Amino acid sequence: SCGTTRSVMQLSHGNFLSAIFINPFGIIVGLIMIIAPVWISYDFIQKKETFYTAYSKIETILRKRKVAIVFFVLVIANWIWNIKKNL
């Protein structure tokens, strides 16, 4: 358990500092949970594929070895931080 769900729950209650302390990735997930449905709905209504296009571009960037390594290190660092916090 990495704490992302608990972090998002704290965000939903307005406890931003607590959310960051539990897991900073929760902020990113929370933003995606708010933005993605609105964006997908917009695309559906407008008959566009802007969300899919953006997703494909982001996926291409994340598949690059150097970027993937940076994200891997961040995830490992987050796990270490959670272990040290006894979460």
PDB file of N, CA and C in Angstrom:
ATOM      1  N   SER A   1       0.845  -1.185   0.000  1.00  0.00           N
ATOM      2  CA  SER A   1       0.000   0.000   0.000  1.00  0.00           C
ATOM      3  C   SER A   1       0.883   1.238   0.000  1.00  0.00           C
ATOM      4  N   CYS A   2       0.779   1.996  -1.070  1.00  0.00           N
ATOM      5  CA  CYS A   2       1.665   3.154  -1.220  1.00  0.00           C
ATOM      6  C   CYS A   2       1.054   4.433  -0.669  1.00  0.00           C
ATOM      7  N   GLY A   3      -0.245   4.432  -0.380  1.00  0.00           N
ATOM      8  CA  GLY A   3      -0.865   5.604   0.216  1.00  0.00           C
ATOM      9  C   GLY A   3      -1.539   6.547  -0.759  1.00  0.00           C
ATOM     10  N   THR A   4      -1.550   6.204  -2.040  1.00  0.00           N
ATOM     11  CA  THR A   4      -2.166   7.100  -3.016  1.00  0.00           C
ATOM     12  C   THR A   4      -3.659   7.267  -2.749  1.00  0.00           C
ATOM     13  N   THR A   5      -4.341   6.175  -2.458  1.00  0.00           N
ATOM     14  CA  THR A   5      -5.780   6.258  -2.179  1.00  0.00           C
ATOM     15  C   THR A   5      -6.036   7.101  -0.939  1.00  0.00           C
ATOM     16  N   ARG A   6      -5.254   6.884   0.108  1.00  0.00           N
ATOM     17  CA  ARG A   6      -5.421   7.685   1.332  1.00  0.00           C
ATOM     18  C   ARG A   6      -5.134   9.155   1.053  1.00  0.00           C
ATOM     19  N   SER A   7      -4.149   9.410   0.211  1.00  0.00           N
ATOM     20  CA  SER A   7      -3.812  10.780  -0.152  1.00  0.00           C
ATOM     21  C   SER A   7      -4.972  11.447  -0.894  1.00  0.00           C
ATOM     22  N   VAL A   8      -5.557  10.741  -1.848  1.00  0.00           N
ATOM     23  CA  VAL A   8      -6.696  11.287  -2.594  1.00  0.00           C
ATOM     24  C   VAL A   8      -7.884  11.512  -1.660  1.00  0.00           C
ATOM     25  N   MET A   9      -8.088  10.613  -0.714  1.00  0.00           N
ATOM     26  CA  MET A   9      -9.172  10.796   0.259  1.00  0.00           C
ATOM     27  C   MET A   9      -8.950  12.067   1.080  1.00  0.00           C
ATOM     28  N   GLN A  10      -7.713  12.303   1.490  1.00  0.00           N
ATOM     29  CA  GLN A  10      -7.402  13.526   2.231  1.00  0.00           C
ATOM     30  C   GLN A  10      -7.669  14.757   1.367  1.00  0.00           C
ATOM     31  N   LEU A  11      -7.310  14.677   0.094  1.00  0.00           N
ATOM     32  CA  LEU A  11      -7.588  15.785  -0.827  1.00  0.00           C
ATOM     33  C   LEU A  11      -9.083  16.061  -0.905  1.00  0.00           C
ATOM     34  N   SER A  12      -9.864  14.998  -0.981  1.00  0.00           N
ATOM     35  CA  SER A  12     -11.316  15.166  -1.106  1.00  0.00           C
ATOM     36  C   SER A  12     -11.924  15.826   0.132  1.00  0.00           C
ATOM     37  N   HIS A  13     -11.219  15.768   1.246  1.00  0.00           N
ATOM     38  CA  HIS A  13     -11.669  16.436   2.472  1.00  0.00           C
ATOM     39  C   HIS A  13     -10.991  17.795   2.667  1.00  0.00           C
ATOM     40  N   GLY A  14     -10.193  18.214   1.675  1.00  0.00           N
ATOM     41  CA  GLY A  14      -9.543  19.518   1.744  1.00  0.00           C
ATOM     42  C   GLY A  14      -8.265  19.548   2.555  1.00  0.00           C
ATOM     43  N   ASN A  15      -7.743  18.397   2.938  1.00  0.00           N
ATOM     44  CA  ASN A  15      -6.518  18.322   3.736  1.00  0.00           C
ATOM     45  C   ASN A  15      -5.298  18.168   2.822  1.00  0.00           C
ATOM     46  N   PHE A  16      -4.910  19.268   2.194  1.00  0.00           N
ATOM     47  CA  PHE A  16      -3.856  19.221   1.187  1.00  0.00           C
ATOM     48  C   PHE A  16      -2.494  18.844   1.763  1.00  0.00           C
ATOM     49  N   LEU A  17      -2.132  19.413   2.887  1.00  0.00           N
ATOM     50  CA  LEU A  17      -0.828  19.093   3.478  1.00  0.00           C
ATOM     51  C   LEU A  17      -0.757  17.638   3.921  1.00  0.00           C
ATOM     52  N   SER A  18      -1.834  17.157   4.480  1.00  0.00           N
ATOM     53  CA  SER A  18      -1.888  15.754   4.880  1.00  0.00           C
ATOM     54  C   SER A  18      -1.776  14.849   3.657  1.00  0.00           C
ATOM     55  N   ALA A  19      -2.433  15.233   2.571  1.00  0.00           N
ATOM     56  CA  ALA A  19      -2.373  14.452   1.331  1.00  0.00           C
ATOM     57  C   ALA A  19      -0.950  14.384   0.798  1.00  0.00           C
ATOM     58  N   ILE A  20      -0.255  15.505   0.833  1.00  0.00           N
ATOM     59  CA  ILE A  20       1.132  15.535   0.356  1.00  0.00           C
ATOM     60  C   ILE A  20       2.014  14.692   1.264  1.00  0.00           C
ATOM     61  N   PHE A  21       1.793  14.778   2.566  1.00  0.00           N
ATOM     62  CA  PHE A  21       2.593  13.997   3.506  1.00  0.00           C
ATOM     63  C   PHE A  21       2.381  12.500   3.308  1.00  0.00           C
ATOM     64  N   ILE A  22       1.140  12.092   3.078  1.00  0.00           N
ATOM     65  CA  ILE A  22       0.857  10.668   2.894  1.00  0.00           C
ATOM     66  C   ILE A  22       1.496  10.164   1.611  1.00  0.00           C
ATOM     67  N   ASN A  23       1.259  10.860   0.503  1.00  0.00           N
ATOM     68  CA  ASN A  23       1.849  10.462  -0.776  1.00  0.00           C
ATOM     69  C   ASN A  23       1.670  11.587  -1.783  1.00  0.00           C
ATOM     70  N   PRO A  24       2.758  12.242  -2.191  1.00  0.00           N
ATOM     71  CA  PRO A  24       2.665  13.339  -3.155  1.00  0.00           C
ATOM     72  C   PRO A  24       2.038  12.925  -4.487  1.00  0.00           C
ATOM     73  N   PHE A  25       2.154  11.651  -4.848  1.00  0.00           N
ATOM     74  CA  PHE A  25       1.546  11.187  -6.097  1.00  0.00           C
ATOM     75  C   PHE A  25       0.024  11.301  -6.049  1.00  0.00           C
ATOM     76  N   GLY A  26      -0.535  11.366  -4.863  1.00  0.00           N
ATOM     77  CA  GLY A  26      -1.978  11.518  -4.719  1.00  0.00           C
ATOM     78  C   GLY A  26      -2.486  12.815  -5.326  1.00  0.00           C
ATOM     79  N   ILE A  27      -1.662  13.858  -5.293  1.00  0.00           N
ATOM     80  CA  ILE A  27      -2.033  15.140  -5.899  1.00  0.00           C
ATOM     81  C   ILE A  27      -2.213  14.953  -7.405  1.00  0.00           C
ATOM     82  N   ILE A  28      -1.254  14.263  -8.027  1.00  0.00           N
ATOM     83  CA  ILE A  28      -1.315  14.011  -9.470  1.00  0.00           C
ATOM     84  C   ILE A  28      -2.540  13.168  -9.804  1.00  0.00           C
ATOM     85  N   VAL A  29      -2.751  12.103  -9.047  1.00  0.00           N
ATOM     86  CA  VAL A  29      -3.898  11.220  -9.290  1.00  0.00           C
ATOM     87  C   VAL A  29      -5.206  11.988  -9.092  1.00  0.00           C
ATOM     88  N   GLY A  30      -5.271  12.802  -8.059  1.00  0.00           N
ATOM     89  CA  GLY A  30      -6.472  13.596  -7.808  1.00  0.00           C
ATOM     90  C   GLY A  30      -6.782  14.541  -8.955  1.00  0.00           C
ATOM     91  N   LEU A  31      -5.757  15.200  -9.470  1.00  0.00           N
ATOM     92  CA  LEU A  31      -5.956  16.100 -10.612  1.00  0.00           C
ATOM     93  C   LEU A  31      -6.443  15.337 -11.838  1.00  0.00           C
ATOM     94  N   ILE A  32      -5.849  14.175 -12.083  1.00  0.00           N
ATOM     95  CA  ILE A  32      -6.271  13.355 -13.225  1.00  0.00           C
ATOM     96  C   ILE A  32      -7.729  12.930 -13.056  1.00  0.00           C
ATOM     97  N   MET A  33      -8.105  12.580 -11.823  1.00  0.00           N
ATOM     98  CA  MET A  33      -9.483  12.140 -11.565  1.00  0.00           C
ATOM     99  C   MET A  33     -10.498  13.259 -11.805  1.00  0.00           C
ATOM    100  N   ILE A  34     -10.065  14.495 -11.659  1.00  0.00           N
ATOM    101  CA  ILE A  34     -10.956  15.627 -11.908  1.00  0.00           C
ATOM    102  C   ILE A  34     -10.960  15.999 -13.388  1.00  0.00           C
ATOM    103  N   ILE A  35      -9.780  16.069 -13.983  1.00  0.00           N
ATOM    104  CA  ILE A  35      -9.648  16.561 -15.356  1.00  0.00           C
ATOM    105  C   ILE A  35     -10.092  15.544 -16.403  1.00  0.00           C
ATOM    106  N   ALA A  36      -9.699  14.286 -16.251  1.00  0.00           N
ATOM    107  CA  ALA A  36      -9.949  13.281 -17.296  1.00  0.00           C
ATOM    108  C   ALA A  36     -11.433  13.126 -17.655  1.00  0.00           C
ATOM    109  N   PRO A  37     -12.335  12.959 -16.698  1.00  0.00           N
ATOM    110  CA  PRO A  37     -13.742  12.788 -17.094  1.00  0.00           C
ATOM    111  C   PRO A  37     -14.316  13.997 -17.842  1.00  0.00           C
ATOM    112  N   VAL A  38     -13.917  15.193 -17.402  1.00  0.00           N
ATOM    113  CA  VAL A  38     -14.396  16.407 -18.069  1.00  0.00           C
ATOM    114  C   VAL A  38     -13.853  16.454 -19.492  1.00  0.00           C
ATOM    115  N   TRP A  39     -12.571  16.175 -19.644  1.00  0.00           N
ATOM    116  CA  TRP A  39     -11.916  16.204 -20.950  1.00  0.00           C
ATOM    117  C   TRP A  39     -12.516  15.153 -21.887  1.00  0.00           C
ATOM    118  N   ILE A  40     -12.721  13.944 -21.381  1.00  0.00           N
ATOM    119  CA  ILE A  40     -13.298  12.870 -22.191  1.00  0.00           C
ATOM    120  C   ILE A  40     -14.733  13.226 -22.590  1.00  0.00           C
ATOM    121  N   SER A  41     -15.479  13.810 -21.682  1.00  0.00           N
ATOM    122  CA  SER A  41     -16.849  14.234 -22.000  1.00  0.00           C
ATOM    123  C   SER A  41     -16.848  15.304 -23.084  1.00  0.00           C
ATOM    124  N   TYR A  42     -15.932  16.250 -22.963  1.00  0.00           N
ATOM    125  CA  TYR A  42     -15.794  17.293 -23.985  1.00  0.00           C
ATOM    126  C   TYR A  42     -15.526  16.663 -25.349  1.00  0.00           C
ATOM    127  N   ASP A  43     -14.574  15.739 -25.398  1.00  0.00           N
ATOM    128  CA  ASP A  43     -14.257  15.063 -26.660  1.00  0.00           C
ATOM    129  C   ASP A  43     -15.469  14.318 -27.209  1.00  0.00           C
ATOM    130  N   PHE A  44     -16.213  13.662 -26.335  1.00  0.00           N
ATOM    131  CA  PHE A  44     -17.393  12.911 -26.769  1.00  0.00           C
ATOM    132  C   PHE A  44     -18.434  13.846 -27.385  1.00  0.00           C
ATOM    133  N   ILE A  45     -18.686  14.955 -26.715  1.00  0.00           N
ATOM    134  CA  ILE A  45     -19.684  15.915 -27.200  1.00  0.00           C
ATOM    135  C   ILE A  45     -19.227  16.569 -28.497  1.00  0.00           C
ATOM    136  N   GLN A  46     -17.948  16.932 -28.560  1.00  0.00           N
ATOM    137  CA  GLN A  46     -17.408  17.629 -29.732  1.00  0.00           C
ATOM    138  C   GLN A  46     -16.964  16.676 -30.844  1.00  0.00           C
ATOM    139  N   LYS A  47     -17.042  15.377 -30.575  1.00  0.00           N
ATOM    140  CA  LYS A  47     -16.587  14.351 -31.525  1.00  0.00           C
ATOM    141  C   LYS A  47     -15.124  14.581 -31.923  1.00  0.00           C
ATOM    142  N   LYS A  48     -14.300  14.768 -30.900  1.00  0.00           N
ATOM    143  CA  LYS A  48     -12.865  14.984 -31.092  1.00  0.00           C
ATOM    144  C   LYS A  48     -12.091  13.901 -30.365  1.00  0.00           C
ATOM    145  N   GLU A  49     -10.796  13.891 -30.567  1.00  0.00           N
ATOM    146  CA  GLU A  49      -9.931  12.908 -29.909  1.00  0.00           C
ATOM    147  C   GLU A  49      -8.743  13.585 -29.234  1.00  0.00           C
ATOM    148  N   THR A  50      -8.964  14.741 -28.632  1.00  0.00           N
ATOM    149  CA  THR A  50      -7.850  15.465 -28.024  1.00  0.00           C
ATOM    150  C   THR A  50      -7.284  14.731 -26.814  1.00  0.00           C
ATOM    151  N   PHE A  51      -8.151  14.079 -26.042  1.00  0.00           N
ATOM    152  CA  PHE A  51      -7.664  13.326 -24.882  1.00  0.00           C
ATOM    153  C   PHE A  51      -6.787  12.171 -25.335  1.00  0.00           C
ATOM    154  N   TYR A  52      -7.258  11.419 -26.319  1.00  0.00           N
ATOM    155  CA  TYR A  52      -6.493  10.279 -26.833  1.00  0.00           C
ATOM    156  C   TYR A  52      -5.161  10.748 -27.416  1.00  0.00           C
ATOM    157  N   THR A  53      -5.173  11.853 -28.140  1.00  0.00           N
ATOM    158  CA  THR A  53      -3.940  12.388 -28.720  1.00  0.00           C
ATOM    159  C   THR A  53      -2.953  12.770 -27.626  1.00  0.00           C
ATOM    160  N   ALA A  54      -3.434  13.465 -26.602  1.00  0.00           N
ATOM    161  CA  ALA A  54      -2.562  13.860 -25.493  1.00  0.00           C
ATOM    162  C   ALA A  54      -2.041  12.636 -24.755  1.00  0.00           C
ATOM    163  N   TYR A  55      -2.920  11.662 -24.520  1.00  0.00           N
ATOM    164  CA  TYR A  55      -2.518  10.426 -23.843  1.00  0.00           C
ATOM    165  C   TYR A  55      -1.420   9.718 -24.630  1.00  0.00           C
ATOM    166  N   SER A  56      -1.590   9.632 -25.942  1.00  0.00           N
ATOM    167  CA  SER A  56      -0.589   8.971 -26.792  1.00  0.00           C
ATOM    168  C   SER A  56       0.754   9.687 -26.730  1.00  0.00           C
ATOM    169  N   LYS A  57       0.729  11.021 -26.749  1.00  0.00           N
ATOM    170  CA  LYS A  57       1.977  11.790 -26.671  1.00  0.00           C
ATOM    171  C   LYS A  57       2.665  11.583 -25.321  1.00  0.00           C
ATOM    172  N   ILE A  58       1.879  11.617 -24.251  1.00  0.00           N
ATOM    173  CA  ILE A  58       2.447  11.414 -22.916  1.00  0.00           C
ATOM    174  C   ILE A  58       3.022  10.008 -22.792  1.00  0.00           C
ATOM    175  N   GLU A  59       2.303   9.025 -23.322  1.00  0.00           N
ATOM    176  CA  GLU A  59       2.789   7.644 -23.274  1.00  0.00           C
ATOM    177  C   GLU A  59       4.104   7.496 -24.028  1.00  0.00           C
ATOM    178  N   THR A  60       4.222   8.163 -25.174  1.00  0.00           N
ATOM    179  CA  THR A  60       5.464   8.121 -25.948  1.00  0.00           C
ATOM    180  C   THR A  60       6.617   8.704 -25.143  1.00  0.00           C
ATOM    181  N   ILE A  61       6.360   9.803 -24.459  1.00  0.00           N
ATOM    182  CA  ILE A  61       7.399  10.428 -23.634  1.00  0.00           C
ATOM    183  C   ILE A  61       7.791   9.505 -22.485  1.00  0.00           C
ATOM    184  N   LEU A  62       6.807   8.907 -21.817  1.00  0.00           N
ATOM    185  CA  LEU A  62       7.087   8.048 -20.661  1.00  0.00           C
ATOM    186  C   LEU A  62       7.801   6.758 -21.041  1.00  0.00           C
ATOM    187  N   ARG A  63       7.702   6.348 -22.294  1.00  0.00           N
ATOM    188  CA  ARG A  63       8.373   5.125 -22.739  1.00  0.00           C
ATOM    189  C   ARG A  63       9.866   5.332 -23.013  1.00  0.00           C
ATOM    190  N   LYS A  64      10.298   6.578 -23.044  1.00  0.00           N
ATOM    191  CA  LYS A  64      11.724   6.841 -23.249  1.00  0.00           C
ATOM    192  C   LYS A  64      12.482   6.373 -22.018  1.00  0.00           C
ATOM    193  N   ARG A  65      13.585   5.717 -22.257  1.00  0.00           N
ATOM    194  CA  ARG A  65      14.348   5.078 -21.185  1.00  0.00           C
ATOM    195  C   ARG A  65      14.722   6.045 -20.062  1.00  0.00           C
ATOM    196  N   LYS A  66      15.246   7.213 -20.420  1.00  0.00           N
ATOM    197  CA  LYS A  66      15.683   8.170 -19.396  1.00  0.00           C
ATOM    198  C   LYS A  66      14.502   8.652 -18.546  1.00  0.00           C
ATOM    199  N   VAL A  67      13.391   8.916 -19.187  1.00  0.00           N
ATOM    200  CA  VAL A  67      12.205   9.375 -18.458  1.00  0.00           C
ATOM    201  C   VAL A  67      11.690   8.262 -17.551  1.00  0.00           C
ATOM    202  N   ALA A  68      11.650   7.040 -18.076  1.00  0.00           N
ATOM    203  CA  ALA A  68      11.185   5.896 -17.287  1.00  0.00           C
ATOM    204  C   ALA A  68      12.068   5.685 -16.060  1.00  0.00           C
ATOM    205  N   ILE A  69      13.372   5.849 -16.226  1.00  0.00           N
ATOM    206  CA  ILE A  69      14.299   5.681 -15.099  1.00  0.00           C
ATOM    207  C   ILE A  69      14.028   6.737 -14.028  1.00  0.00           C
ATOM    208  N   VAL A  70      13.807   7.974 -14.453  1.00  0.00           N
ATOM    209  CA  VAL A  70      13.517   9.048 -13.493  1.00  0.00           C
ATOM    210  C   VAL A  70      12.248   8.719 -12.703  1.00  0.00           C
ATOM    211  N   PHE A  71      11.202   8.297 -13.392  1.00  0.00           N
ATOM    212  CA  PHE A  71       9.959   7.949 -12.704  1.00  0.00           C
ATOM    213  C   PHE A  71      10.134   6.745 -11.795  1.00  0.00           C
ATOM    214  N   PHE A  72      10.907   5.768 -12.229  1.00  0.00           N
ATOM    215  CA  PHE A  72      11.181   4.595 -11.405  1.00  0.00           C
ATOM    216  C   PHE A  72      11.881   5.013 -10.115  1.00  0.00           C
ATOM    217  N   VAL A  73      12.880   5.875 -10.226  1.00  0.00           N
ATOM    218  CA  VAL A  73      13.615   6.357  -9.051  1.00  0.00           C
ATOM    219  C   VAL A  73      12.674   7.135  -8.120  1.00  0.00           C
ATOM    220  N   LEU A  74      11.792   7.956  -8.689  1.00  0.00           N
ATOM    221  CA  LEU A  74      10.835   8.701  -7.864  1.00  0.00           C
ATOM    222  C   LEU A  74       9.891   7.768  -7.107  1.00  0.00           C
ATOM    223  N   VAL A  75       9.435   6.717  -7.767  1.00  0.00           N
ATOM    224  CA  VAL A  75       8.543   5.759  -7.105  1.00  0.00           C
ATOM    225  C   VAL A  75       9.278   5.037  -5.980  1.00  0.00           C
ATOM    226  N   ILE A  76      10.511   4.611  -6.234  1.00  0.00           N
ATOM    227  CA  ILE A  76      11.311   3.939  -5.198  1.00  0.00           C
ATOM    228  C   ILE A  76      11.560   4.891  -4.026  1.00  0.00           C
ATOM    229  N   ALA A  77      11.902   6.146  -4.338  1.00  0.00           N
ATOM    230  CA  ALA A  77      12.131   7.135  -3.279  1.00  0.00           C
ATOM    231  C   ALA A  77      10.861   7.342  -2.458  1.00  0.00           C
ATOM    232  N   ASN A  78       9.722   7.359  -3.118  1.00  0.00           N
ATOM    233  CA  ASN A  78       8.445   7.510  -2.418  1.00  0.00           C
ATOM    234  C   ASN A  78       8.191   6.327  -1.489  1.00  0.00           C
ATOM    235  N   TRP A  79       8.478   5.121  -1.952  1.00  0.00           N
ATOM    236  CA  TRP A  79       8.316   3.934  -1.102  1.00  0.00           C
ATOM    237  C   TRP A  79       9.230   4.001   0.118  1.00  0.00           C
ATOM    238  N   ILE A  80      10.480   4.391  -0.106  1.00  0.00           N
ATOM    239  CA  ILE A  80      11.429   4.515   1.011  1.00  0.00           C
ATOM    240  C   ILE A  80      10.920   5.547   2.013  1.00  0.00           C
ATOM    241  N   TRP A  81      10.434   6.674   1.500  1.00  0.00           N
ATOM    242  CA  TRP A  81       9.902   7.729   2.358  1.00  0.00           C
ATOM    243  C   TRP A  81       8.711   7.201   3.162  1.00  0.00           C
ATOM    244  N   ASN A  82       7.815   6.448   2.506  1.00  0.00           N
ATOM    245  CA  ASN A  82       6.661   5.874   3.214  1.00  0.00           C
ATOM    246  C   ASN A  82       7.090   4.898   4.299  1.00  0.00           C
ATOM    247  N   ILE A  83       8.086   4.092   4.020  1.00  0.00           N
ATOM    248  CA  ILE A  83       8.583   3.136   5.020  1.00  0.00           C
ATOM    249  C   ILE A  83       9.165   3.881   6.216  1.00  0.00           C
ATOM    250  N   LYS A  84       9.922   4.944   5.948  1.00  0.00           N
ATOM    251  CA  LYS A  84      10.516   5.726   7.038  1.00  0.00           C
ATOM    252  C   LYS A  84       9.447   6.430   7.875  1.00  0.00           C
ATOM    253  N   LYS A  85       8.318   6.773   7.247  1.00  0.00           N
ATOM    254  CA  LYS A  85       7.225   7.430   7.971  1.00  0.00           C
ATOM    255  C   LYS A  85       6.338   6.411   8.683  1.00  0.00           C
ATOM    256  N   ASN A  86       6.637   5.134   8.497  1.00  0.00           N
ATOM    257  CA  ASN A  86       5.827   4.043   9.058  1.00  0.00           C
ATOM    258  C   ASN A  86       4.391   4.059   8.542  1.00  0.00           C
ATOM    259  N   LEU A  87       4.250   4.363   7.253  1.00  0.00           N
ATOM    260  CA  LEU A  87       2.893   4.337   6.668  1.00  0.00           C
ATOM    261  C   LEU A  87       2.689   2.997   6.070  1.00  0.00           C
TER     262      LEU A  87
END
